[in-house]
């Protein structure tokens, strides 16, 4: 898991693969706040921008998930959100495996998790070995808007 803020991107950019620069350029060059919720293909079937808007909830009510074929770059457009995350381990217990249908695997989150608070313009990257749960409220429930970029592993070469 990696986190950052796009205001620092120019300093951090050399540490990332070029596909992440392509995503950050997409964020900077498009008015994501004005986009309706839905899917926006950037590179057909390989890089997809999903605009989401939802109310935050207690983090414990959110389902922990991971992916097999895609990396998530989650960018918070508006609001604040807590995201729980942990590293996939032998003790991670799968409760629902939809990897072949939609690249989603859900887990029982009985293992330790760390938390990250995202504010507007923050982003985080979850790799296939990262379990994450989103939608967590910070203090009060708020409706957030975010862009989730699904990056197919094949784009990393």
C-alpha atoms as a PDB file:
ATOM      1  CA  UNK A   1       0.000   0.000   0.000  1.00  0.00           C
ATOM      2  CA  UNK A   2       1.237   3.444  -0.910  1.00  0.00           C
ATOM      3  CA  UNK A   3      -0.368   6.760  -0.051  1.00  0.00           C
ATOM      4  CA  UNK A   4       0.239  10.331  -1.105  1.00  0.00           C
ATOM      5  CA  UNK A   5      -1.259  13.631  -2.184  1.00  0.00           C
ATOM      6  CA  UNK A   6      -1.212  14.891  -5.756  1.00  0.00           C
ATOM      7  CA  UNK A   7       0.235  18.251  -4.643  1.00  0.00           C
ATOM      8  CA  UNK A   8       3.499  16.363  -3.934  1.00  0.00           C
ATOM      9  CA  UNK A   9       3.363  14.270  -7.113  1.00  0.00           C
ATOM     10  CA  UNK A  10       6.188  16.011  -8.987  1.00  0.00           C
ATOM     11  CA  UNK A  11       8.644  15.111  -6.210  1.00  0.00           C
ATOM     12  CA  UNK A  12       7.382  11.518  -5.845  1.00  0.00           C
ATOM     13  CA  UNK A  13       6.819  10.706  -9.516  1.00  0.00           C
ATOM     14  CA  UNK A  14      10.309   9.251 -10.196  1.00  0.00           C
ATOM     15  CA  UNK A  15       9.633   6.458  -7.703  1.00  0.00           C
ATOM     16  CA  UNK A  16       6.561   5.219  -9.603  1.00  0.00           C
ATOM     17  CA  UNK A  17       5.963   3.232 -12.771  1.00  0.00           C
ATOM     18  CA  UNK A  18       4.890   5.343 -15.787  1.00  0.00           C
ATOM     19  CA  UNK A  19       1.300   4.023 -15.628  1.00  0.00           C
ATOM     20  CA  UNK A  20       0.835   5.822 -12.290  1.00  0.00           C
ATOM     21  CA  UNK A  21       1.945   9.070 -13.944  1.00  0.00           C
ATOM     22  CA  UNK A  22      -0.683   8.445 -16.603  1.00  0.00           C
ATOM     23  CA  UNK A  23      -3.339   8.126 -13.879  1.00  0.00           C
ATOM     24  CA  UNK A  24      -2.199  11.269 -12.044  1.00  0.00           C
ATOM     25  CA  UNK A  25      -2.163  13.167 -15.364  1.00  0.00           C
ATOM     26  CA  UNK A  26      -5.742  11.978 -15.950  1.00  0.00           C
ATOM     27  CA  UNK A  27      -6.704  13.303 -12.500  1.00  0.00           C
ATOM     28  CA  UNK A  28      -5.031  16.665 -13.139  1.00  0.00           C
ATOM     29  CA  UNK A  29      -6.383  17.085 -16.687  1.00  0.00           C
ATOM     30  CA  UNK A  30     -10.020  16.166 -16.028  1.00  0.00           C
ATOM     31  CA  UNK A  31     -12.631  17.778 -13.816  1.00  0.00           C
ATOM     32  CA  UNK A  32     -13.428  14.622 -11.842  1.00  0.00           C
ATOM     33  CA  UNK A  33     -15.750  16.511  -9.484  1.00  0.00           C
ATOM     34  CA  UNK A  34     -18.114  17.213 -12.387  1.00  0.00           C
ATOM     35  CA  UNK A  35     -18.214  13.621 -13.661  1.00  0.00           C
ATOM     36  CA  UNK A  36     -21.283  11.524 -12.926  1.00  0.00           C
ATOM     37  CA  UNK A  37     -20.837   8.279 -11.049  1.00  0.00           C
ATOM     38  CA  UNK A  38     -19.956   5.448 -13.385  1.00  0.00           C
ATOM     39  CA  UNK A  39     -17.136   3.827 -15.343  1.00  0.00           C
ATOM     40  CA  UNK A  40     -14.862   5.736 -17.701  1.00  0.00           C
ATOM     41  CA  UNK A  41     -12.427   3.665 -19.767  1.00  0.00           C
ATOM     42  CA  UNK A  42      -8.976   5.222 -20.076  1.00  0.00           C
ATOM     43  CA  UNK A  43      -7.357   2.216 -21.788  1.00  0.00           C
ATOM     44  CA  UNK A  44     -10.011  -0.331 -22.821  1.00  0.00           C
ATOM     45  CA  UNK A  45     -10.186  -3.217 -20.279  1.00  0.00           C
ATOM     46  CA  UNK A  46      -6.780  -2.259 -18.836  1.00  0.00           C
ATOM     47  CA  UNK A  47      -7.203   1.109 -17.117  1.00  0.00           C
ATOM     48  CA  UNK A  48     -10.638   2.172 -15.917  1.00  0.00           C
ATOM     49  CA  UNK A  49     -11.712   5.190 -13.887  1.00  0.00           C
ATOM     50  CA  UNK A  50     -14.719   4.496 -11.664  1.00  0.00           C
ATOM     51  CA  UNK A  51     -16.360   7.567 -10.148  1.00  0.00           C
ATOM     52  CA  UNK A  52     -18.123   6.740  -6.890  1.00  0.00           C
ATOM     53  CA  UNK A  53     -20.170   8.742  -4.411  1.00  0.00           C
ATOM     54  CA  UNK A  54     -21.416   7.269  -1.141  1.00  0.00           C
ATOM     55  CA  UNK A  55     -21.951   8.054   2.539  1.00  0.00           C
ATOM     56  CA  UNK A  56     -19.227   6.958   4.919  1.00  0.00           C
ATOM     57  CA  UNK A  57     -20.068   4.390   7.599  1.00  0.00           C
ATOM     58  CA  UNK A  58     -18.433   2.708  10.571  1.00  0.00           C
ATOM     59  CA  UNK A  59     -15.330   1.023   9.165  1.00  0.00           C
ATOM     60  CA  UNK A  60     -16.299  -2.239  10.851  1.00  0.00           C
ATOM     61  CA  UNK A  61     -19.411  -2.360   8.620  1.00  0.00           C
ATOM     62  CA  UNK A  62     -17.330  -2.379   5.435  1.00  0.00           C
ATOM     63  CA  UNK A  63     -16.212  -5.595   3.721  1.00  0.00           C
ATOM     64  CA  UNK A  64     -12.450  -6.201   3.466  1.00  0.00           C
ATOM     65  CA  UNK A  65     -11.446  -6.998  -0.105  1.00  0.00           C
ATOM     66  CA  UNK A  66      -8.502  -7.596  -2.401  1.00  0.00           C
ATOM     67  CA  UNK A  67      -7.966  -8.082  -6.092  1.00  0.00           C
ATOM     68  CA  UNK A  68      -5.950 -10.461  -8.278  1.00  0.00           C
ATOM     69  CA  UNK A  69      -5.636  -8.833 -11.717  1.00  0.00           C
ATOM     70  CA  UNK A  70      -5.969  -5.135 -10.918  1.00  0.00           C
ATOM     71  CA  UNK A  71      -4.249  -2.543  -8.753  1.00  0.00           C
ATOM     72  CA  UNK A  72      -6.504   0.110  -7.208  1.00  0.00           C
ATOM     73  CA  UNK A  73      -5.424   3.728  -7.164  1.00  0.00           C
ATOM     74  CA  UNK A  74      -8.082   5.442  -5.079  1.00  0.00           C
ATOM     75  CA  UNK A  75      -8.221   9.235  -5.282  1.00  0.00           C
ATOM     76  CA  UNK A  76     -10.472  11.228  -2.958  1.00  0.00           C
ATOM     77  CA  UNK A  77     -12.160  14.071  -4.826  1.00  0.00           C
ATOM     78  CA  UNK A  78     -14.357  15.418  -1.986  1.00  0.00           C
ATOM     79  CA  UNK A  79     -14.817  14.610   1.700  1.00  0.00           C
ATOM     80  CA  UNK A  80     -12.852  12.501   4.149  1.00  0.00           C
ATOM     81  CA  UNK A  81     -12.645   8.740   4.531  1.00  0.00           C
ATOM     82  CA  UNK A  82     -10.935   6.160   6.692  1.00  0.00           C
ATOM     83  CA  UNK A  83      -9.582   3.108   4.912  1.00  0.00           C
ATOM     84  CA  UNK A  84      -8.463  -0.008   6.749  1.00  0.00           C
ATOM     85  CA  UNK A  85      -5.728  -2.143   5.227  1.00  0.00           C
ATOM     86  CA  UNK A  86      -3.503  -5.116   5.942  1.00  0.00           C
ATOM     87  CA  UNK A  87      -1.146  -7.381   4.062  1.00  0.00           C
ATOM     88  CA  UNK A  88      -2.473 -10.648   2.713  1.00  0.00           C
ATOM     89  CA  UNK A  89      -1.124 -13.467   4.899  1.00  0.00           C
ATOM     90  CA  UNK A  90      -1.648 -17.203   5.406  1.00  0.00           C
ATOM     91  CA  UNK A  91      -4.075 -16.357   8.222  1.00  0.00           C
ATOM     92  CA  UNK A  92      -6.286 -14.211   5.927  1.00  0.00           C
ATOM     93  CA  UNK A  93      -9.591 -16.079   5.702  1.00  0.00           C
ATOM     94  CA  UNK A  94     -11.533 -15.770   2.439  1.00  0.00           C
ATOM     95  CA  UNK A  95     -15.300 -15.586   2.907  1.00  0.00           C
ATOM     96  CA  UNK A  96     -16.263 -14.960  -0.732  1.00  0.00           C
ATOM     97  CA  UNK A  97     -14.099 -15.508  -3.810  1.00  0.00           C
ATOM     98  CA  UNK A  98     -15.325 -13.673  -6.915  1.00  0.00           C
ATOM     99  CA  UNK A  99     -11.877 -13.339  -8.488  1.00  0.00           C
ATOM    100  CA  UNK A 100     -12.906 -14.945 -11.778  1.00  0.00           C
ATOM    101  CA  UNK A 101     -16.162 -12.996 -12.090  1.00  0.00           C
ATOM    102  CA  UNK A 102     -15.156  -9.463 -11.066  1.00  0.00           C
ATOM    103  CA  UNK A 103     -11.652  -9.578  -9.510  1.00  0.00           C
ATOM    104  CA  UNK A 104     -13.041  -9.267  -5.961  1.00  0.00           C
ATOM    105  CA  UNK A 105     -12.113 -11.446  -3.005  1.00  0.00           C
ATOM    106  CA  UNK A 106     -13.731 -10.698   0.357  1.00  0.00           C
ATOM    107  CA  UNK A 107     -12.231 -11.560   3.740  1.00  0.00           C
ATOM    108  CA  UNK A 108     -13.089 -12.020   7.369  1.00  0.00           C
ATOM    109  CA  UNK A 109     -11.156  -9.182   8.979  1.00  0.00           C
ATOM    110  CA  UNK A 110     -10.187 -10.904  12.184  1.00  0.00           C
ATOM    111  CA  UNK A 111      -6.530 -10.001  11.656  1.00  0.00           C
ATOM    112  CA  UNK A 112      -4.876  -6.740  12.634  1.00  0.00           C
ATOM    113  CA  UNK A 113      -5.441  -3.808  10.300  1.00  0.00           C
ATOM    114  CA  UNK A 114      -3.888  -0.381   9.995  1.00  0.00           C
ATOM    115  CA  UNK A 115      -5.944   2.667   9.088  1.00  0.00           C
ATOM    116  CA  UNK A 116      -5.365   5.584   6.776  1.00  0.00           C
ATOM    117  CA  UNK A 117      -7.369   8.811   6.661  1.00  0.00           C
ATOM    118  CA  UNK A 118      -7.851  10.285   3.213  1.00  0.00           C
ATOM    119  CA  UNK A 119      -8.766  13.916   2.622  1.00  0.00           C
ATOM    120  CA  UNK A 120      -9.492  15.661  -0.668  1.00  0.00           C
ATOM    121  CA  UNK A 121      -6.639  15.209  -3.179  1.00  0.00           C
ATOM    122  CA  UNK A 122      -5.110  12.286  -1.272  1.00  0.00           C
ATOM    123  CA  UNK A 123      -4.611   8.982  -3.030  1.00  0.00           C
ATOM    124  CA  UNK A 124      -3.674   5.465  -2.060  1.00  0.00           C
ATOM    125  CA  UNK A 125      -2.559   2.468  -4.074  1.00  0.00           C
ATOM    126  CA  UNK A 126      -3.576  -1.095  -3.216  1.00  0.00           C
ATOM    127  CA  UNK A 127      -1.721  -3.958  -4.859  1.00  0.00           C
ATOM    128  CA  UNK A 128      -3.075  -7.520  -5.134  1.00  0.00           C
ATOM    129  CA  UNK A 129      -1.363  -8.440  -1.853  1.00  0.00           C
ATOM    130  CA  UNK A 130      -3.175  -5.673   0.034  1.00  0.00           C
ATOM    131  CA  UNK A 131      -6.501  -6.262   1.774  1.00  0.00           C
ATOM    132  CA  UNK A 132      -8.461  -3.038   2.126  1.00  0.00           C
ATOM    133  CA  UNK A 133     -11.837  -1.853   3.368  1.00  0.00           C
ATOM    134  CA  UNK A 134     -13.201   1.533   2.408  1.00  0.00           C
ATOM    135  CA  UNK A 135     -16.121   3.795   3.342  1.00  0.00           C
ATOM    136  CA  UNK A 136     -15.000   4.496   6.917  1.00  0.00           C
ATOM    137  CA  UNK A 137     -16.355   7.651   8.544  1.00  0.00           C
ATOM    138  CA  UNK A 138     -13.852   9.972  10.230  1.00  0.00           C
ATOM    139  CA  UNK A 139     -16.032  11.704  12.845  1.00  0.00           C
ATOM    140  CA  UNK A 140     -19.475  12.100  11.312  1.00  0.00           C
ATOM    141  CA  UNK A 141     -20.860  10.307   8.271  1.00  0.00           C
ATOM    142  CA  UNK A 142     -20.346  12.416   5.139  1.00  0.00           C
ATOM    143  CA  UNK A 143     -20.986  11.788   1.476  1.00  0.00           C
ATOM    144  CA  UNK A 144     -17.708  11.491  -0.367  1.00  0.00           C
ATOM    145  CA  UNK A 145     -16.780  11.467  -4.013  1.00  0.00           C
ATOM    146  CA  UNK A 146     -13.817   9.463  -5.204  1.00  0.00           C
ATOM    147  CA  UNK A 147     -12.221   8.054  -8.307  1.00  0.00           C
ATOM    148  CA  UNK A 148     -11.016   4.457  -8.226  1.00  0.00           C
ATOM    149  CA  UNK A 149      -8.614   3.671 -11.034  1.00  0.00           C
ATOM    150  CA  UNK A 150      -8.424  -0.030 -11.874  1.00  0.00           C
ATOM    151  CA  UNK A 151      -4.951  -0.688 -13.314  1.00  0.00           C
ATOM    152  CA  UNK A 152      -4.452  -4.088 -14.939  1.00  0.00           C
ATOM    153  CA  UNK A 153      -1.182  -5.723 -13.910  1.00  0.00           C
ATOM    154  CA  UNK A 154      -0.205  -6.187 -17.566  1.00  0.00           C
ATOM    155  CA  UNK A 155       0.310  -2.405 -17.834  1.00  0.00           C
ATOM    156  CA  UNK A 156       3.279  -2.690 -15.499  1.00  0.00           C
ATOM    157  CA  UNK A 157       5.127  -4.807 -18.061  1.00  0.00           C
END
